[in-house]
């Protein structure tokens, strides 16, 4: 299955974007959407208007936005781990998204830590 993703400014590394696109996801980056330097609320607004799931490493701010406005297509958060062995690679991120899709859990209006879906 292919998901429509908006990759936040802090997560739009070229290698990750290429890996997500190779996995058949419809990916738009913050740069491509002219959202560079915009507040997180504007990024979420764009995602809502374009029916896209936000993928971000800015977990705390997007979790707060989710609590303030839980009506969105979904938010995927990648928490940065202090231990380098626990950091998620781009392959780990794609694998976690695939695991979520396979579980057939509704994504709309939900905030997911992809770290918990990397198994």
PDB file of N, CA and C in Angstrom:
ATOM      1  N   UNK A   1       0.852  -1.174   0.000  1.00  0.00           N
ATOM      2  CA  UNK A   1       0.000   0.000   0.000  1.00  0.00           C
ATOM      3  C   UNK A   1       0.899   1.239   0.000  1.00  0.00           C
ATOM      4  N   UNK A   2       0.403   2.271  -0.572  1.00  0.00           N
ATOM      5  CA  UNK A   2       1.147   3.520  -0.651  1.00  0.00           C
ATOM      6  C   UNK A   2       0.480   4.571   0.228  1.00  0.00           C
ATOM      7  N   UNK A   3       1.283   5.254   1.025  1.00  0.00           N
ATOM      8  CA  UNK A   3       0.762   6.322   1.870  1.00  0.00           C
ATOM      9  C   UNK A   3       1.188   7.666   1.312  1.00  0.00           C
ATOM     10  N   UNK A   4       0.347   8.667   1.540  1.00  0.00           N
ATOM     11  CA  UNK A   4       0.679  10.038   1.167  1.00  0.00           C
ATOM     12  C   UNK A   4       1.357  10.679   2.369  1.00  0.00           C
ATOM     13  N   UNK A   5       2.634  11.002   2.235  1.00  0.00           N
ATOM     14  CA  UNK A   5       3.429  11.519   3.345  1.00  0.00           C
ATOM     15  C   UNK A   5       3.903  12.940   3.067  1.00  0.00           C
ATOM     16  N   UNK A   6       3.947  13.728   4.126  1.00  0.00           N
ATOM     17  CA  UNK A   6       4.605  15.032   4.109  1.00  0.00           C
ATOM     18  C   UNK A   6       5.794  14.918   5.052  1.00  0.00           C
ATOM     19  N   UNK A   7       6.997  15.075   4.513  1.00  0.00           N
ATOM     20  CA  UNK A   7       8.198  14.939   5.324  1.00  0.00           C
ATOM     21  C   UNK A   7       8.569  16.308   5.867  1.00  0.00           C
ATOM     22  N   UNK A   8       8.553  16.437   7.182  1.00  0.00           N
ATOM     23  CA  UNK A   8       8.857  17.696   7.850  1.00  0.00           C
ATOM     24  C   UNK A   8      10.296  18.121   7.562  1.00  0.00           C
ATOM     25  N   UNK A   9      10.533  19.400   7.740  1.00  0.00           N
ATOM     26  CA  UNK A   9      11.834  20.006   7.452  1.00  0.00           C
ATOM     27  C   UNK A   9      12.989  19.275   8.129  1.00  0.00           C
ATOM     28  N   UNK A  10      12.768  18.790   9.345  1.00  0.00           N
ATOM     29  CA  UNK A  10      13.843  18.149  10.102  1.00  0.00           C
ATOM     30  C   UNK A  10      14.104  16.698   9.689  1.00  0.00           C
ATOM     31  N   UNK A  11      13.296  16.176   8.769  1.00  0.00           N
ATOM     32  CA  UNK A  11      13.414  14.759   8.403  1.00  0.00           C
ATOM     33  C   UNK A  11      13.623  14.536   6.915  1.00  0.00           C
ATOM     34  N   UNK A  12      13.787  15.593   6.149  1.00  0.00           N
ATOM     35  CA  UNK A  12      13.760  15.435   4.700  1.00  0.00           C
ATOM     36  C   UNK A  12      15.113  15.122   4.062  1.00  0.00           C
ATOM     37  N   UNK A  13      15.890  14.295   4.717  1.00  0.00           N
ATOM     38  CA  UNK A  13      17.164  13.855   4.131  1.00  0.00           C
ATOM     39  C   UNK A  13      16.884  13.160   2.798  1.00  0.00           C
ATOM     40  N   UNK A  14      17.704  13.460   1.811  1.00  0.00           N
ATOM     41  CA  UNK A  14      17.499  12.924   0.467  1.00  0.00           C
ATOM     42  C   UNK A  14      17.439  11.397   0.475  1.00  0.00           C
ATOM     43  N   UNK A  15      18.313  10.766   1.241  1.00  0.00           N
ATOM     44  CA  UNK A  15      18.336   9.300   1.277  1.00  0.00           C
ATOM     45  C   UNK A  15      17.030   8.736   1.826  1.00  0.00           C
ATOM     46  N   UNK A  16      16.466   9.357   2.858  1.00  0.00           N
ATOM     47  CA  UNK A  16      15.189   8.888   3.413  1.00  0.00           C
ATOM     48  C   UNK A  16      14.071   9.088   2.399  1.00  0.00           C
ATOM     49  N   UNK A  17      14.028  10.245   1.781  1.00  0.00           N
ATOM     50  CA  UNK A  17      12.981  10.522   0.786  1.00  0.00           C
ATOM     51  C   UNK A  17      13.059   9.500  -0.346  1.00  0.00           C
ATOM     52  N   UNK A  18      14.258   9.219  -0.836  1.00  0.00           N
ATOM     53  CA  UNK A  18      14.424   8.227  -1.913  1.00  0.00           C
ATOM     54  C   UNK A  18      13.978   6.843  -1.465  1.00  0.00           C
ATOM     55  N   UNK A  19      14.321   6.478  -0.238  1.00  0.00           N
ATOM     56  CA  UNK A  19      13.948   5.159   0.282  1.00  0.00           C
ATOM     57  C   UNK A  19      12.430   5.039   0.416  1.00  0.00           C
ATOM     58  N   UNK A  20      11.783   6.091   0.898  1.00  0.00           N
ATOM     59  CA  UNK A  20      10.321   6.076   1.015  1.00  0.00           C
ATOM     60  C   UNK A  20       9.659   6.000  -0.362  1.00  0.00           C
ATOM     61  N   UNK A  21      10.186   6.741  -1.313  1.00  0.00           N
ATOM     62  CA  UNK A  21       9.626   6.703  -2.675  1.00  0.00           C
ATOM     63  C   UNK A  21       9.856   5.330  -3.322  1.00  0.00           C
ATOM     64  N   UNK A  22      11.000   4.751  -3.064  1.00  0.00           N
ATOM     65  CA  UNK A  22      11.284   3.409  -3.595  1.00  0.00           C
ATOM     66  C   UNK A  22      10.305   2.381  -3.022  1.00  0.00           C
ATOM     67  N   UNK A  23       9.836   2.636  -1.793  1.00  0.00           N
ATOM     68  CA  UNK A  23       8.847   1.756  -1.154  1.00  0.00           C
ATOM     69  C   UNK A  23       7.425   2.109  -1.605  1.00  0.00           C
ATOM     70  N   UNK A  24       7.319   2.935  -2.657  1.00  0.00           N
ATOM     71  CA  UNK A  24       6.049   3.302  -3.298  1.00  0.00           C
ATOM     72  C   UNK A  24       5.176   4.263  -2.510  1.00  0.00           C
ATOM     73  N   UNK A  25       5.772   5.019  -1.604  1.00  0.00           N
ATOM     74  CA  UNK A  25       5.005   6.039  -0.900  1.00  0.00           C
ATOM     75  C   UNK A  25       5.010   7.328  -1.709  1.00  0.00           C
ATOM     76  N   UNK A  26       3.898   8.043  -1.649  1.00  0.00           N
ATOM     77  CA  UNK A  26       3.745   9.342  -2.307  1.00  0.00           C
ATOM     78  C   UNK A  26       4.300  10.386  -1.336  1.00  0.00           C
ATOM     79  N   UNK A  27       5.487  10.881  -1.622  1.00  0.00           N
ATOM     80  CA  UNK A  27       6.217  11.732  -0.681  1.00  0.00           C
ATOM     81  C   UNK A  27       6.333  13.159  -1.202  1.00  0.00           C
ATOM     82  N   UNK A  28       6.003  14.108  -0.330  1.00  0.00           N
ATOM     83  CA  UNK A  28       6.257  15.526  -0.570  1.00  0.00           C
ATOM     84  C   UNK A  28       7.078  16.009   0.620  1.00  0.00           C
ATOM     85  N   UNK A  29       8.160  16.727   0.332  1.00  0.00           N
ATOM     86  CA  UNK A  29       8.991  17.263   1.411  1.00  0.00           C
ATOM     87  C   UNK A  29       8.533  18.675   1.755  1.00  0.00           C
ATOM     88  N   UNK A  30       8.927  19.134   2.921  1.00  0.00           N
ATOM     89  CA  UNK A  30       8.627  20.509   3.325  1.00  0.00           C
ATOM     90  C   UNK A  30       9.205  21.487   2.310  1.00  0.00           C
ATOM     91  N   UNK A  31      10.361  21.179   1.801  1.00  0.00           N
ATOM     92  CA  UNK A  31      10.988  22.039   0.799  1.00  0.00           C
ATOM     93  C   UNK A  31      10.131  22.107  -0.474  1.00  0.00           C
ATOM     94  N   UNK A  32       9.678  20.963  -0.952  1.00  0.00           N
ATOM     95  CA  UNK A  32       8.852  20.918  -2.163  1.00  0.00           C
ATOM     96  C   UNK A  32       7.516  21.632  -1.971  1.00  0.00           C
ATOM     97  N   UNK A  33       7.020  21.644  -0.739  1.00  0.00           N
ATOM     98  CA  UNK A  33       5.737  22.286  -0.428  1.00  0.00           C
ATOM     99  C   UNK A  33       5.907  23.757  -0.025  1.00  0.00           C
ATOM    100  N   UNK A  34       7.120  24.283  -0.161  1.00  0.00           N
ATOM    101  CA  UNK A  34       7.408  25.667   0.233  1.00  0.00           C
ATOM    102  C   UNK A  34       7.082  25.939   1.698  1.00  0.00           C
ATOM    103  N   UNK A  35       7.439  24.995   2.559  1.00  0.00           N
ATOM    104  CA  UNK A  35       7.172  25.115   3.994  1.00  0.00           C
ATOM    105  C   UNK A  35       8.439  25.321   4.818  1.00  0.00           C
ATOM    106  N   UNK A  36       9.564  25.527   4.158  1.00  0.00           N
ATOM    107  CA  UNK A  36      10.819  25.700   4.894  1.00  0.00           C
ATOM    108  C   UNK A  36      10.731  26.920   5.805  1.00  0.00           C
ATOM    109  N   UNK A  37      11.075  26.742   7.076  1.00  0.00           N
ATOM    110  CA  UNK A  37      11.071  27.839   8.033  1.00  0.00           C
ATOM    111  C   UNK A  37       9.693  28.205   8.554  1.00  0.00           C
ATOM    112  N   UNK A  38       8.658  27.501   8.101  1.00  0.00           N
ATOM    113  CA  UNK A  38       7.302  27.783   8.565  1.00  0.00           C
ATOM    114  C   UNK A  38       7.065  27.126   9.927  1.00  0.00           C
ATOM    115  N   UNK A  39       6.176  27.711  10.734  1.00  0.00           N
ATOM    116  CA  UNK A  39       5.846  27.088  12.024  1.00  0.00           C
ATOM    117  C   UNK A  39       5.228  25.703  11.820  1.00  0.00           C
ATOM    118  N   UNK A  40       5.403  24.860  12.815  1.00  0.00           N
ATOM    119  CA  UNK A  40       4.875  23.489  12.737  1.00  0.00           C
ATOM    120  C   UNK A  40       3.370  23.471  12.491  1.00  0.00           C
ATOM    121  N   UNK A  41       2.660  24.420  13.042  1.00  0.00           N
ATOM    122  CA  UNK A  41       1.197  24.450  12.838  1.00  0.00           C
ATOM    123  C   UNK A  41       0.855  24.635  11.364  1.00  0.00           C
ATOM    124  N   UNK A  42       1.712  25.352  10.621  1.00  0.00           N
ATOM    125  CA  UNK A  42       1.494  25.544   9.190  1.00  0.00           C
ATOM    126  C   UNK A  42       1.801  24.257   8.415  1.00  0.00           C
ATOM    127  N   UNK A  43       2.784  23.525   8.890  1.00  0.00           N
ATOM    128  CA  UNK A  43       3.113  22.232   8.282  1.00  0.00           C
ATOM    129  C   UNK A  43       1.934  21.280   8.463  1.00  0.00           C
ATOM    130  N   UNK A  44       1.387  21.224   9.672  1.00  0.00           N
ATOM    131  CA  UNK A  44       0.236  20.359   9.928  1.00  0.00           C
ATOM    132  C   UNK A  44      -0.968  20.822   9.120  1.00  0.00           C
ATOM    133  N   UNK A  45      -1.169  22.113   9.017  1.00  0.00           N
ATOM    134  CA  UNK A  45      -2.292  22.650   8.231  1.00  0.00           C
ATOM    135  C   UNK A  45      -2.183  22.203   6.776  1.00  0.00           C
ATOM    136  N   UNK A  46      -0.975  22.301   6.215  1.00  0.00           N
ATOM    137  CA  UNK A  46      -0.749  21.847   4.839  1.00  0.00           C
ATOM    138  C   UNK A  46      -1.092  20.356   4.726  1.00  0.00           C
ATOM    139  N   UNK A  47      -0.616  19.564   5.680  1.00  0.00           N
ATOM    140  CA  UNK A  47      -0.873  18.120   5.655  1.00  0.00           C
ATOM    141  C   UNK A  47      -2.373  17.838   5.700  1.00  0.00           C
ATOM    142  N   UNK A  48      -3.092  18.563   6.533  1.00  0.00           N
ATOM    143  CA  UNK A  48      -4.547  18.375   6.637  1.00  0.00           C
ATOM    144  C   UNK A  48      -5.206  18.725   5.311  1.00  0.00           C
ATOM    145  N   UNK A  49      -4.845  19.863   4.755  1.00  0.00           N
ATOM    146  CA  UNK A  49      -5.451  20.324   3.499  1.00  0.00           C
ATOM    147  C   UNK A  49      -5.150  19.392   2.331  1.00  0.00           C
ATOM    148  N   UNK A  50      -4.024  18.706   2.386  1.00  0.00           N
ATOM    149  CA  UNK A  50      -3.605  17.829   1.294  1.00  0.00           C
ATOM    150  C   UNK A  50      -3.715  16.351   1.626  1.00  0.00           C
ATOM    151  N   UNK A  51      -4.376  16.047   2.728  1.00  0.00           N
ATOM    152  CA  UNK A  51      -4.634  14.662   3.138  1.00  0.00           C
ATOM    153  C   UNK A  51      -3.347  13.833   3.188  1.00  0.00           C
ATOM    154  N   UNK A  52      -2.336  14.383   3.892  1.00  0.00           N
ATOM    155  CA  UNK A  52      -1.036  13.719   4.011  1.00  0.00           C
ATOM    156  C   UNK A  52      -0.709  13.440   5.479  1.00  0.00           C
ATOM    157  N   UNK A  53       0.011  12.371   5.705  1.00  0.00           N
ATOM    158  CA  UNK A  53       0.519  12.021   7.021  1.00  0.00           C
ATOM    159  C   UNK A  53       1.857  12.727   7.203  1.00  0.00           C
ATOM    160  N   UNK A  54       2.034  13.381   8.336  1.00  0.00           N
ATOM    161  CA  UNK A  54       3.303  14.070   8.622  1.00  0.00           C
ATOM    162  C   UNK A  54       4.305  13.058   9.180  1.00  0.00           C
ATOM    163  N   UNK A  55       5.511  13.081   8.646  1.00  0.00           N
ATOM    164  CA  UNK A  55       6.625  12.314   9.199  1.00  0.00           C
ATOM    165  C   UNK A  55       7.622  13.325   9.750  1.00  0.00           C
ATOM    166  N   UNK A  56       7.914  13.238  11.057  1.00  0.00           N
ATOM    167  CA  UNK A  56       8.742  14.249  11.702  1.00  0.00           C
ATOM    168  C   UNK A  56       9.655  13.649  12.754  1.00  0.00           C
ATOM    169  N   UNK A  57      10.732  14.359  13.028  1.00  0.00           N
ATOM    170  CA  UNK A  57      11.592  14.062  14.178  1.00  0.00           C
ATOM    171  C   UNK A  57      11.354  15.101  15.279  1.00  0.00           C
ATOM    172  N   UNK A  58      10.501  16.040  15.000  1.00  0.00           N
ATOM    173  CA  UNK A  58      10.143  17.091  15.949  1.00  0.00           C
ATOM    174  C   UNK A  58       8.944  16.602  16.773  1.00  0.00           C
ATOM    175  N   UNK A  59       9.179  15.572  17.534  1.00  0.00           N
ATOM    176  CA  UNK A  59       8.119  14.810  18.189  1.00  0.00           C
ATOM    177  C   UNK A  59       7.317  15.611  19.206  1.00  0.00           C
ATOM    178  N   UNK A  60       8.003  16.300  20.079  1.00  0.00           N
ATOM    179  CA  UNK A  60       7.325  17.017  21.161  1.00  0.00           C
ATOM    180  C   UNK A  60       6.342  18.058  20.623  1.00  0.00           C
ATOM    181  N   UNK A  61       6.790  18.844  19.651  1.00  0.00           N
ATOM    182  CA  UNK A  61       5.931  19.897  19.104  1.00  0.00           C
ATOM    183  C   UNK A  61       4.739  19.318  18.350  1.00  0.00           C
ATOM    184  N   UNK A  62       4.969  18.269  17.575  1.00  0.00           N
ATOM    185  CA  UNK A  62       3.855  17.688  16.822  1.00  0.00           C
ATOM    186  C   UNK A  62       2.907  16.895  17.723  1.00  0.00           C
ATOM    187  N   UNK A  63       3.414  16.352  18.810  1.00  0.00           N
ATOM    188  CA  UNK A  63       2.505  15.697  19.756  1.00  0.00           C
ATOM    189  C   UNK A  63       1.597  16.740  20.397  1.00  0.00           C
ATOM    190  N   UNK A  64       2.141  17.905  20.726  1.00  0.00           N
ATOM    191  CA  UNK A  64       1.327  18.996  21.279  1.00  0.00           C
ATOM    192  C   UNK A  64       0.294  19.472  20.256  1.00  0.00           C
ATOM    193  N   UNK A  65       0.699  19.588  18.995  1.00  0.00           N
ATOM    194  CA  UNK A  65      -0.249  19.982  17.949  1.00  0.00           C
ATOM    195  C   UNK A  65      -1.349  18.932  17.784  1.00  0.00           C
ATOM    196  N   UNK A  66      -0.975  17.671  17.867  1.00  0.00           N
ATOM    197  CA  UNK A  66      -1.957  16.587  17.780  1.00  0.00           C
ATOM    198  C   UNK A  66      -2.983  16.691  18.907  1.00  0.00           C
ATOM    199  N   UNK A  67      -2.512  16.962  20.106  1.00  0.00           N
ATOM    200  CA  UNK A  67      -3.434  17.086  21.241  1.00  0.00           C
ATOM    201  C   UNK A  67      -4.354  18.292  21.076  1.00  0.00           C
ATOM    202  N   UNK A  68      -3.833  19.372  20.502  1.00  0.00           N
ATOM    203  CA  UNK A  68      -4.639  20.583  20.299  1.00  0.00           C
ATOM    204  C   UNK A  68      -5.614  20.421  19.133  1.00  0.00           C
ATOM    205  N   UNK A  69      -5.233  19.642  18.128  1.00  0.00           N
ATOM    206  CA  UNK A  69      -6.072  19.437  16.955  1.00  0.00           C
ATOM    207  C   UNK A  69      -5.913  17.995  16.473  1.00  0.00           C
ATOM    208  N   UNK A  70      -6.695  17.065  17.035  1.00  0.00           N
ATOM    209  CA  UNK A  70      -6.519  15.657  16.689  1.00  0.00           C
ATOM    210  C   UNK A  70      -7.163  15.255  15.356  1.00  0.00           C
ATOM    211  N   UNK A  71      -7.633  16.215  14.582  1.00  0.00           N
ATOM    212  CA  UNK A  71      -8.270  15.911  13.296  1.00  0.00           C
ATOM    213  C   UNK A  71      -7.276  16.129  12.155  1.00  0.00           C
ATOM    214  N   UNK A  72      -6.605  15.058  11.758  1.00  0.00           N
ATOM    215  CA  UNK A  72      -5.600  15.111  10.709  1.00  0.00           C
ATOM    216  C   UNK A  72      -5.443  13.716  10.110  1.00  0.00           C
ATOM    217  N   UNK A  73      -4.615  13.599   9.104  1.00  0.00           N
ATOM    218  CA  UNK A  73      -4.431  12.302   8.434  1.00  0.00           C
ATOM    219  C   UNK A  73      -3.515  11.355   9.188  1.00  0.00           C
ATOM    220  N   UNK A  74      -2.828  11.870  10.196  1.00  0.00           N
ATOM    221  CA  UNK A  74      -1.923  11.060  11.003  1.00  0.00           C
ATOM    222  C   UNK A  74      -0.570  11.750  11.131  1.00  0.00           C
ATOM    223  N   UNK A  75       0.136  11.396  12.194  1.00  0.00           N
ATOM    224  CA  UNK A  75       1.484  11.917  12.430  1.00  0.00           C
ATOM    225  C   UNK A  75       2.380  10.740  12.806  1.00  0.00           C
ATOM    226  N   UNK A  76       3.500  10.603  12.074  1.00  0.00           N
ATOM    227  CA  UNK A  76       4.510   9.602  12.377  1.00  0.00           C
ATOM    228  C   UNK A  76       5.703  10.332  12.981  1.00  0.00           C
ATOM    229  N   UNK A  77       6.039   9.990  14.205  1.00  0.00           N
ATOM    230  CA  UNK A  77       7.153  10.624  14.911  1.00  0.00           C
ATOM    231  C   UNK A  77       8.309   9.649  15.042  1.00  0.00           C
ATOM    232  N   UNK A  78       9.506  10.154  14.794  1.00  0.00           N
ATOM    233  CA  UNK A  78      10.729   9.360  14.960  1.00  0.00           C
ATOM    234  C   UNK A  78      11.523  10.010  16.082  1.00  0.00           C
ATOM    235  N   UNK A  79      11.534   9.361  17.237  1.00  0.00           N
ATOM    236  CA  UNK A  79      12.254   9.891  18.396  1.00  0.00           C
ATOM    237  C   UNK A  79      13.743   9.634  18.235  1.00  0.00           C
ATOM    238  N   UNK A  80      14.538  10.636  18.545  1.00  0.00           N
ATOM    239  CA  UNK A  80      15.989  10.529  18.491  1.00  0.00           C
ATOM    240  C   UNK A  80      16.474   9.877  19.781  1.00  0.00           C
ATOM    241  N   UNK A  81      17.215   8.837  19.659  1.00  0.00           N
ATOM    242  CA  UNK A  81      17.716   8.114  20.824  1.00  0.00           C
ATOM    243  C   UNK A  81      19.140   8.568  21.149  1.00  0.00           C
ATOM    244  N   UNK A  82      19.442   8.668  22.421  1.00  0.00           N
ATOM    245  CA  UNK A  82      20.795   9.032  22.844  1.00  0.00           C
ATOM    246  C   UNK A  82      21.792   7.935  22.474  1.00  0.00           C
ATOM    247  N   UNK A  83      21.347   6.694  22.545  1.00  0.00           N
ATOM    248  CA  UNK A  83      22.187   5.555  22.205  1.00  0.00           C
ATOM    249  C   UNK A  83      22.189   5.382  20.677  1.00  0.00           C
ATOM    250  N   UNK A  84      23.332   5.551  20.016  1.00  0.00           N
ATOM    251  CA  UNK A  84      23.377   5.445  18.553  1.00  0.00           C
ATOM    252  C   UNK A  84      22.893   4.098  18.021  1.00  0.00           C
ATOM    253  N   UNK A  85      22.999   3.052  18.819  1.00  0.00           N
ATOM    254  CA  UNK A  85      22.542   1.734  18.382  1.00  0.00           C
ATOM    255  C   UNK A  85      21.025   1.652  18.297  1.00  0.00           C
ATOM    256  N   UNK A  86      20.323   2.573  18.958  1.00  0.00           N
ATOM    257  CA  UNK A  86      18.860   2.571  18.963  1.00  0.00           C
ATOM    258  C   UNK A  86      18.252   3.557  17.970  1.00  0.00           C
ATOM    259  N   UNK A  87      19.101   4.350  17.312  1.00  0.00           N
ATOM    260  CA  UNK A  87      18.592   5.313  16.331  1.00  0.00           C
ATOM    261  C   UNK A  87      18.023   4.567  15.139  1.00  0.00           C
ATOM    262  N   UNK A  88      16.967   5.120  14.565  1.00  0.00           N
ATOM    263  CA  UNK A  88      16.321   4.485  13.421  1.00  0.00           C
ATOM    264  C   UNK A  88      17.001   4.919  12.119  1.00  0.00           C
ATOM    265  N   UNK A  89      17.372   3.935  11.336  1.00  0.00           N
ATOM    266  CA  UNK A  89      17.895   4.212   9.999  1.00  0.00           C
ATOM    267  C   UNK A  89      16.712   4.475   9.071  1.00  0.00           C
ATOM    268  N   UNK A  90      16.995   4.901   7.851  1.00  0.00           N
ATOM    269  CA  UNK A  90      15.901   5.130   6.904  1.00  0.00           C
ATOM    270  C   UNK A  90      15.179   3.812   6.592  1.00  0.00           C
ATOM    271  N   UNK A  91      15.925   2.696   6.563  1.00  0.00           N
ATOM    272  CA  UNK A  91      15.293   1.394   6.345  1.00  0.00           C
ATOM    273  C   UNK A  91      14.391   1.028   7.526  1.00  0.00           C
ATOM    274  N   UNK A  92      14.826   1.370   8.737  1.00  0.00           N
ATOM    275  CA  UNK A  92      14.008   1.108   9.923  1.00  0.00           C
ATOM    276  C   UNK A  92      12.703   1.900   9.861  1.00  0.00           C
ATOM    277  N   UNK A  93      12.769   3.136   9.386  1.00  0.00           N
ATOM    278  CA  UNK A  93      11.573   3.976   9.281  1.00  0.00           C
ATOM    279  C   UNK A  93      10.590   3.366   8.289  1.00  0.00           C
ATOM    280  N   UNK A  94      11.086   2.943   7.129  1.00  0.00           N
ATOM    281  CA  UNK A  94      10.215   2.315   6.131  1.00  0.00           C
ATOM    282  C   UNK A  94       9.620   1.022   6.682  1.00  0.00           C
ATOM    283  N   UNK A  95      10.438   0.251   7.383  1.00  0.00           N
ATOM    284  CA  UNK A  95       9.964  -1.011   7.982  1.00  0.00           C
ATOM    285  C   UNK A  95       8.866  -0.740   9.017  1.00  0.00           C
ATOM    286  N   UNK A  96       9.048   0.276   9.847  1.00  0.00           N
ATOM    287  CA  UNK A  96       8.034   0.616  10.856  1.00  0.00           C
ATOM    288  C   UNK A  96       6.721   1.035  10.195  1.00  0.00           C
ATOM    289  N   UNK A  97       6.817   1.812   9.120  1.00  0.00           N
ATOM    290  CA  UNK A  97       5.606   2.221   8.398  1.00  0.00           C
ATOM    291  C   UNK A  97       4.917   1.000   7.797  1.00  0.00           C
ATOM    292  N   UNK A  98       5.693   0.082   7.234  1.00  0.00           N
ATOM    293  CA  UNK A  98       5.129  -1.155   6.683  1.00  0.00           C
ATOM    294  C   UNK A  98       4.451  -1.972   7.772  1.00  0.00           C
ATOM    295  N   UNK A  99       5.066  -2.045   8.948  1.00  0.00           N
ATOM    296  CA  UNK A  99       4.461  -2.783  10.062  1.00  0.00           C
ATOM    297  C   UNK A  99       3.129  -2.159  10.475  1.00  0.00           C
ATOM    298  N   UNK A 100       3.058  -0.840  10.489  1.00  0.00           N
ATOM    299  CA  UNK A 100       1.795  -0.150  10.811  1.00  0.00           C
ATOM    300  C   UNK A 100       0.733  -0.460   9.758  1.00  0.00           C
ATOM    301  N   UNK A 101       1.120  -0.402   8.499  1.00  0.00           N
ATOM    302  CA  UNK A 101       0.176  -0.710   7.414  1.00  0.00           C
ATOM    303  C   UNK A 101      -0.332  -2.142   7.520  1.00  0.00           C
ATOM    304  N   UNK A 102       0.585  -3.069   7.790  1.00  0.00           N
ATOM    305  CA  UNK A 102       0.226  -4.487   7.890  1.00  0.00           C
ATOM    306  C   UNK A 102      -0.736  -4.735   9.040  1.00  0.00           C
ATOM    307  N   UNK A 103      -0.579  -3.993  10.124  1.00  0.00           N
ATOM    308  CA  UNK A 103      -1.457  -4.149  11.289  1.00  0.00           C
ATOM    309  C   UNK A 103      -2.864  -3.621  11.009  1.00  0.00           C
ATOM    310  N   UNK A 104      -3.017  -2.872   9.908  1.00  0.00           N
ATOM    311  CA  UNK A 104      -4.322  -2.324   9.506  1.00  0.00           C
ATOM    312  C   UNK A 104      -4.960  -1.465  10.587  1.00  0.00           C
ATOM    313  N   UNK A 105      -4.119  -0.752  11.296  1.00  0.00           N
ATOM    314  CA  UNK A 105      -4.597   0.172  12.320  1.00  0.00           C
ATOM    315  C   UNK A 105      -4.970   1.475  11.621  1.00  0.00           C
ATOM    316  N   UNK A 106      -6.122   2.038  11.949  1.00  0.00           N
ATOM    317  CA  UNK A 106      -6.470   3.339  11.347  1.00  0.00           C
ATOM    318  C   UNK A 106      -5.400   4.384  11.690  1.00  0.00           C
ATOM    319  N   UNK A 107      -4.954   5.118  10.695  1.00  0.00           N
ATOM    320  CA  UNK A 107      -3.896   6.107  10.886  1.00  0.00           C
ATOM    321  C   UNK A 107      -4.466   7.509  11.102  1.00  0.00           C
ATOM    322  N   UNK A 108      -5.641   7.746  10.573  1.00  0.00           N
ATOM    323  CA  UNK A 108      -6.267   9.058  10.651  1.00  0.00           C
ATOM    324  C   UNK A 108      -6.447   9.475  12.104  1.00  0.00           C
ATOM    325  N   UNK A 109      -6.103  10.723  12.398  1.00  0.00           N
ATOM    326  CA  UNK A 109      -6.280  11.329  13.725  1.00  0.00           C
ATOM    327  C   UNK A 109      -5.415  10.686  14.810  1.00  0.00           C
ATOM    328  N   UNK A 110      -4.351   9.991  14.412  1.00  0.00           N
ATOM    329  CA  UNK A 110      -3.504   9.299  15.378  1.00  0.00           C
ATOM    330  C   UNK A 110      -2.076   9.846  15.346  1.00  0.00           C
ATOM    331  N   UNK A 111      -1.418   9.742  16.483  1.00  0.00           N
ATOM    332  CA  UNK A 111      -0.005  10.096  16.628  1.00  0.00           C
ATOM    333  C   UNK A 111       0.740   8.802  16.931  1.00  0.00           C
ATOM    334  N   UNK A 112       1.675   8.427  16.068  1.00  0.00           N
ATOM    335  CA  UNK A 112       2.420   7.183  16.244  1.00  0.00           C
ATOM    336  C   UNK A 112       3.903   7.452  16.411  1.00  0.00           C
ATOM    337  N   UNK A 113       4.507   6.806  17.377  1.00  0.00           N
ATOM    338  CA  UNK A 113       5.958   6.767  17.479  1.00  0.00           C
ATOM    339  C   UNK A 113       6.411   5.587  16.629  1.00  0.00           C
ATOM    340  N   UNK A 114       7.112   5.877  15.538  1.00  0.00           N
ATOM    341  CA  UNK A 114       7.581   4.789  14.680  1.00  0.00           C
ATOM    342  C   UNK A 114       8.611   3.910  15.390  1.00  0.00           C
ATOM    343  N   UNK A 115       9.256   4.458  16.391  1.00  0.00           N
ATOM    344  CA  UNK A 115      10.235   3.672  17.144  1.00  0.00           C
ATOM    345  C   UNK A 115       9.601   2.407  17.731  1.00  0.00           C
ATOM    346  N   UNK A 116       8.329   2.495  18.102  1.00  0.00           N
ATOM    347  CA  UNK A 116       7.637   1.341  18.696  1.00  0.00           C
ATOM    348  C   UNK A 116       7.184   0.330  17.652  1.00  0.00           C
ATOM    349  N   UNK A 117       7.241   0.692  16.372  1.00  0.00           N
ATOM    350  CA  UNK A 117       6.808  -0.192  15.304  1.00  0.00           C
ATOM    351  C   UNK A 117       7.967  -0.768  14.520  1.00  0.00           C
ATOM    352  N   UNK A 118       9.162  -0.577  15.008  1.00  0.00           N
ATOM    353  CA  UNK A 118      10.365  -1.076  14.358  1.00  0.00           C
ATOM    354  C   UNK A 118      10.745  -2.415  14.991  1.00  0.00           C
ATOM    355  N   UNK A 119      10.180  -3.477  14.469  1.00  0.00           N
ATOM    356  CA  UNK A 119      10.499  -4.820  14.979  1.00  0.00           C
ATOM    357  C   UNK A 119      10.712  -5.787  13.861  1.00  0.00           C
TER     358      UNK A 119
END
